[in-house]
Amino acid sequence: MRKYEVVYIIRPDLDEEKTAAVVERFSSLITNAGGELTKVAQWGKRRLQYEVKDFNEGYYVLTTFTGDEAVIPQELERVFKIADEIIRYLIVREEE
C-alpha cells in the first residue's frame, strides 16, 4: 500500500450541500476501491492565481490516503476528468 495526496479544486458557485456531496463522493470512491483515508482537509474558498475555466476562485480540498497503486490513482484521475464540479486536481505519491 502506497501513500498518496490529492488536492482538488471544486467550482465556487456550488452551494454548501453540493460541495459536501462532491467531497463525500471522492472520499467514498477511495474507500470503495480498498483505500484508507488518512485525512480530509477542506481549505475552503481561495483565490486562484489565474483564471481557470472562467473562475477566479475555487474551493480547495486536500485528501491524504493509502491504497493500491494499480487501482486508486487511475480511477480517481478518470473520475476527476469527467466531473463537471472539478476545476483542477493533482495526485501525488508520497515518498517512503
N, C-alpha and C. Protein backbone atom coordinates (compact mmCIF):
# COMPACT_ATOMS: atom_id res chain seq x y z
N MET A 1 0.84 -1.18 0.00
CA MET A 1 0.00 0.00 0.00
C MET A 1 0.89 1.24 0.00
N ARG A 2 0.57 2.16 -0.89
CA ARG A 2 1.33 3.41 -1.00
C ARG A 2 0.53 4.56 -0.43
N LYS A 3 1.26 5.61 -0.04
CA LYS A 3 0.63 6.82 0.47
C LYS A 3 0.49 7.84 -0.65
N TYR A 4 -0.66 8.50 -0.69
CA TYR A 4 -0.95 9.49 -1.72
C TYR A 4 -1.54 10.74 -1.10
N GLU A 5 -1.36 11.85 -1.81
CA GLU A 5 -2.04 13.10 -1.50
C GLU A 5 -2.74 13.55 -2.78
N VAL A 6 -3.94 14.02 -2.63
CA VAL A 6 -4.66 14.59 -3.77
C VAL A 6 -5.25 15.93 -3.34
N VAL A 7 -5.01 16.94 -4.15
CA VAL A 7 -5.61 18.25 -3.96
C VAL A 7 -6.51 18.50 -5.15
N TYR A 8 -7.75 18.84 -4.87
CA TYR A 8 -8.65 19.17 -5.98
C TYR A 8 -9.41 20.44 -5.65
N ILE A 9 -9.77 21.14 -6.72
CA ILE A 9 -10.46 22.42 -6.59
C ILE A 9 -11.86 22.27 -7.16
N ILE A 10 -12.84 22.57 -6.33
CA ILE A 10 -14.25 22.47 -6.71
C ILE A 10 -14.75 23.84 -7.14
N ARG A 11 -15.65 23.85 -8.10
CA ARG A 11 -16.24 25.12 -8.57
C ARG A 11 -16.80 25.91 -7.40
N PRO A 12 -16.56 27.22 -7.35
CA PRO A 12 -17.02 28.02 -6.21
C PRO A 12 -18.50 28.37 -6.24
N ASP A 13 -19.17 28.16 -7.37
CA ASP A 13 -20.57 28.55 -7.47
C ASP A 13 -21.54 27.48 -6.95
N LEU A 14 -21.03 26.38 -6.41
CA LEU A 14 -21.89 25.35 -5.82
C LEU A 14 -22.24 25.74 -4.39
N ASP A 15 -23.43 25.35 -3.94
CA ASP A 15 -23.79 25.64 -2.56
C ASP A 15 -23.10 24.64 -1.62
N GLU A 16 -23.26 24.85 -0.32
CA GLU A 16 -22.55 24.04 0.67
C GLU A 16 -22.91 22.57 0.60
N GLU A 17 -24.18 22.27 0.36
CA GLU A 17 -24.62 20.88 0.30
C GLU A 17 -24.01 20.15 -0.89
N LYS A 18 -23.97 20.79 -2.04
CA LYS A 18 -23.40 20.17 -3.23
C LYS A 18 -21.89 20.01 -3.08
N THR A 19 -21.23 20.99 -2.47
CA THR A 19 -19.80 20.89 -2.23
C THR A 19 -19.50 19.72 -1.29
N ALA A 20 -20.28 19.59 -0.22
CA ALA A 20 -20.10 18.48 0.72
C ALA A 20 -20.36 17.14 0.02
N ALA A 21 -21.31 17.11 -0.89
CA ALA A 21 -21.61 15.88 -1.62
C ALA A 21 -20.45 15.49 -2.54
N VAL A 22 -19.79 16.48 -3.15
CA VAL A 22 -18.65 16.19 -4.02
C VAL A 22 -17.49 15.63 -3.19
N VAL A 23 -17.23 16.25 -2.03
CA VAL A 23 -16.15 15.76 -1.15
C VAL A 23 -16.46 14.34 -0.70
N GLU A 24 -17.69 14.07 -0.32
CA GLU A 24 -18.09 12.74 0.11
C GLU A 24 -17.98 11.74 -1.04
N ARG A 25 -18.32 12.15 -2.24
CA ARG A 25 -18.24 11.27 -3.41
C ARG A 25 -16.82 10.79 -3.66
N PHE A 26 -15.86 11.70 -3.58
CA PHE A 26 -14.48 11.30 -3.83
C PHE A 26 -13.88 10.54 -2.65
N SER A 27 -14.31 10.84 -1.45
CA SER A 27 -13.86 10.08 -0.28
C SER A 27 -14.37 8.64 -0.35
N SER A 28 -15.63 8.48 -0.71
CA SER A 28 -16.19 7.13 -0.82
C SER A 28 -15.60 6.38 -2.00
N LEU A 29 -15.22 7.08 -3.05
CA LEU A 29 -14.57 6.43 -4.20
C LEU A 29 -13.26 5.78 -3.75
N ILE A 30 -12.52 6.47 -2.91
CA ILE A 30 -11.25 5.92 -2.41
C ILE A 30 -11.50 4.72 -1.51
N THR A 31 -12.43 4.84 -0.57
CA THR A 31 -12.67 3.74 0.37
C THR A 31 -13.31 2.54 -0.32
N ASN A 32 -14.16 2.76 -1.31
CA ASN A 32 -14.78 1.64 -2.03
C ASN A 32 -13.78 0.88 -2.88
N ALA A 33 -12.69 1.54 -3.28
CA ALA A 33 -11.66 0.87 -4.07
C ALA A 33 -10.61 0.20 -3.19
N GLY A 34 -10.84 0.18 -1.88
CA GLY A 34 -9.92 -0.50 -0.98
C GLY A 34 -8.90 0.40 -0.32
N GLY A 35 -9.03 1.70 -0.50
CA GLY A 35 -8.10 2.64 0.12
C GLY A 35 -8.53 3.01 1.52
N GLU A 36 -7.61 3.61 2.26
CA GLU A 36 -7.89 4.05 3.62
C GLU A 36 -7.60 5.54 3.73
N LEU A 37 -8.62 6.33 4.06
CA LEU A 37 -8.44 7.77 4.21
C LEU A 37 -7.64 8.08 5.47
N THR A 38 -6.64 8.94 5.33
CA THR A 38 -5.86 9.39 6.47
C THR A 38 -6.39 10.73 6.95
N LYS A 39 -6.63 11.65 6.00
CA LYS A 39 -7.09 12.99 6.37
C LYS A 39 -7.83 13.61 5.19
N VAL A 40 -8.91 14.30 5.49
CA VAL A 40 -9.63 15.10 4.50
C VAL A 40 -9.72 16.51 5.06
N ALA A 41 -8.95 17.43 4.49
CA ALA A 41 -8.93 18.82 4.96
C ALA A 41 -9.59 19.71 3.92
N GLN A 42 -10.66 20.35 4.33
CA GLN A 42 -11.35 21.29 3.44
C GLN A 42 -10.82 22.69 3.73
N TRP A 43 -10.05 23.22 2.81
CA TRP A 43 -9.41 24.52 3.00
C TRP A 43 -10.36 25.68 2.71
N GLY A 44 -11.45 25.42 2.04
CA GLY A 44 -12.42 26.46 1.76
C GLY A 44 -12.12 27.22 0.47
N LYS A 45 -12.86 28.32 0.29
CA LYS A 45 -12.69 29.11 -0.94
C LYS A 45 -11.42 29.95 -0.86
N ARG A 46 -10.67 29.91 -1.94
CA ARG A 46 -9.45 30.71 -2.06
C ARG A 46 -9.36 31.25 -3.47
N ARG A 47 -8.68 32.35 -3.59
CA ARG A 47 -8.49 32.98 -4.89
C ARG A 47 -7.45 32.20 -5.69
N LEU A 48 -7.74 32.00 -6.97
CA LEU A 48 -6.80 31.32 -7.86
C LEU A 48 -5.76 32.31 -8.36
N GLN A 49 -4.59 31.82 -8.68
CA GLN A 49 -3.52 32.67 -9.19
C GLN A 49 -3.89 33.26 -10.56
N TYR A 50 -4.57 32.45 -11.35
CA TYR A 50 -5.02 32.90 -12.67
C TYR A 50 -6.38 32.26 -12.95
N GLU A 51 -7.09 32.81 -13.89
CA GLU A 51 -8.44 32.34 -14.22
C GLU A 51 -8.39 30.94 -14.84
N VAL A 52 -9.23 30.05 -14.31
CA VAL A 52 -9.32 28.67 -14.81
C VAL A 52 -10.78 28.38 -15.09
N LYS A 53 -11.09 28.03 -16.32
CA LYS A 53 -12.46 27.72 -16.74
C LYS A 53 -13.43 28.83 -16.33
N ASP A 54 -13.02 30.08 -16.51
CA ASP A 54 -13.82 31.27 -16.22
C ASP A 54 -14.08 31.48 -14.72
N PHE A 55 -13.27 30.87 -13.84
CA PHE A 55 -13.40 31.07 -12.39
C PHE A 55 -12.15 31.74 -11.86
N ASN A 56 -12.34 32.69 -10.93
CA ASN A 56 -11.22 33.38 -10.28
C ASN A 56 -10.94 32.82 -8.89
N GLU A 57 -11.84 32.00 -8.36
CA GLU A 57 -11.62 31.37 -7.07
C GLU A 57 -12.17 29.96 -7.12
N GLY A 58 -11.80 29.16 -6.12
CA GLY A 58 -12.25 27.78 -6.06
C GLY A 58 -12.24 27.27 -4.63
N TYR A 59 -12.92 26.15 -4.40
CA TYR A 59 -12.99 25.52 -3.08
C TYR A 59 -11.98 24.39 -3.05
N TYR A 60 -10.95 24.56 -2.22
CA TYR A 60 -9.83 23.61 -2.16
C TYR A 60 -10.09 22.49 -1.16
N VAL A 61 -9.70 21.26 -1.53
CA VAL A 61 -9.80 20.10 -0.64
C VAL A 61 -8.51 19.30 -0.76
N LEU A 62 -7.90 18.96 0.38
CA LEU A 62 -6.71 18.12 0.44
C LEU A 62 -7.10 16.80 1.09
N THR A 63 -6.79 15.69 0.41
CA THR A 63 -7.08 14.37 0.94
C THR A 63 -5.80 13.55 0.92
N THR A 64 -5.46 12.94 2.05
CA THR A 64 -4.34 12.01 2.10
C THR A 64 -4.92 10.62 2.35
N PHE A 65 -4.34 9.62 1.68
CA PHE A 65 -4.86 8.26 1.82
C PHE A 65 -3.78 7.26 1.46
N THR A 66 -4.01 6.01 1.84
CA THR A 66 -3.15 4.90 1.43
C THR A 66 -4.00 3.98 0.56
N GLY A 67 -3.35 3.37 -0.41
CA GLY A 67 -4.10 2.49 -1.29
C GLY A 67 -3.23 1.75 -2.27
N ASP A 68 -3.86 0.92 -3.05
CA ASP A 68 -3.21 0.11 -4.07
C ASP A 68 -2.84 1.00 -5.26
N GLU A 69 -1.58 0.97 -5.64
CA GLU A 69 -1.14 1.86 -6.71
C GLU A 69 -1.68 1.48 -8.08
N ALA A 70 -2.15 0.29 -8.24
CA ALA A 70 -2.63 -0.13 -9.55
C ALA A 70 -4.07 0.30 -9.81
N VAL A 71 -4.81 0.67 -8.77
CA VAL A 71 -6.24 0.93 -8.95
C VAL A 71 -6.62 2.38 -8.64
N ILE A 72 -6.36 2.82 -7.46
CA ILE A 72 -6.96 4.06 -6.95
C ILE A 72 -6.54 5.31 -7.72
N PRO A 73 -5.25 5.58 -7.94
CA PRO A 73 -4.91 6.83 -8.64
C PRO A 73 -5.50 6.91 -10.05
N GLN A 74 -5.49 5.80 -10.77
CA GLN A 74 -6.05 5.82 -12.11
C GLN A 74 -7.55 6.05 -12.11
N GLU A 75 -8.23 5.43 -11.16
CA GLU A 75 -9.68 5.60 -11.07
C GLU A 75 -10.03 7.03 -10.64
N LEU A 76 -9.29 7.58 -9.68
CA LEU A 76 -9.52 8.96 -9.27
C LEU A 76 -9.33 9.92 -10.44
N GLU A 77 -8.24 9.73 -11.18
CA GLU A 77 -7.97 10.61 -12.31
C GLU A 77 -9.06 10.52 -13.37
N ARG A 78 -9.54 9.32 -13.62
CA ARG A 78 -10.60 9.14 -14.61
C ARG A 78 -11.86 9.89 -14.20
N VAL A 79 -12.24 9.80 -12.92
CA VAL A 79 -13.44 10.46 -12.44
C VAL A 79 -13.24 11.97 -12.37
N PHE A 80 -12.05 12.44 -11.96
CA PHE A 80 -11.77 13.88 -11.94
C PHE A 80 -11.93 14.49 -13.33
N LYS A 81 -11.48 13.76 -14.35
CA LYS A 81 -11.54 14.30 -15.71
C LYS A 81 -12.97 14.47 -16.22
N ILE A 82 -13.88 13.61 -15.78
CA ILE A 82 -15.25 13.69 -16.30
C ILE A 82 -16.20 14.45 -15.37
N ALA A 83 -15.74 14.81 -14.15
CA ALA A 83 -16.61 15.52 -13.20
C ALA A 83 -16.66 17.00 -13.56
N ASP A 84 -17.86 17.51 -13.74
CA ASP A 84 -18.05 18.93 -14.08
C ASP A 84 -17.75 19.84 -12.89
N GLU A 85 -17.84 19.32 -11.67
CA GLU A 85 -17.64 20.14 -10.48
C GLU A 85 -16.17 20.46 -10.20
N ILE A 86 -15.26 19.71 -10.80
CA ILE A 86 -13.83 19.85 -10.51
C ILE A 86 -13.18 20.79 -11.53
N ILE A 87 -12.46 21.81 -11.01
CA ILE A 87 -11.73 22.74 -11.87
C ILE A 87 -10.34 22.18 -12.18
N ARG A 88 -9.61 21.81 -11.13
CA ARG A 88 -8.25 21.27 -11.26
C ARG A 88 -8.03 20.21 -10.19
N TYR A 89 -7.04 19.34 -10.42
CA TYR A 89 -6.68 18.33 -9.43
C TYR A 89 -5.21 17.97 -9.60
N LEU A 90 -4.63 17.42 -8.54
CA LEU A 90 -3.25 16.94 -8.59
C LEU A 90 -3.14 15.77 -7.62
N ILE A 91 -2.66 14.63 -8.15
CA ILE A 91 -2.46 13.43 -7.33
C ILE A 91 -0.95 13.21 -7.23
N VAL A 92 -0.46 13.08 -5.99
CA VAL A 92 0.97 12.92 -5.76
C VAL A 92 1.20 11.71 -4.85
N ARG A 93 2.15 10.88 -5.23
CA ARG A 93 2.54 9.75 -4.36
C ARG A 93 3.61 10.23 -3.40
N GLU A 94 3.43 9.99 -2.11
CA GLU A 94 4.41 10.40 -1.12
C GLU A 94 5.58 9.42 -1.11
N GLU A 95 6.78 9.95 -0.93
CA GLU A 95 7.98 9.12 -0.84
C GLU A 95 8.01 8.43 0.52
N GLU A 96 8.53 7.22 0.51
CA GLU A 96 8.60 6.46 1.78
C GLU A 96 9.97 6.51 2.36
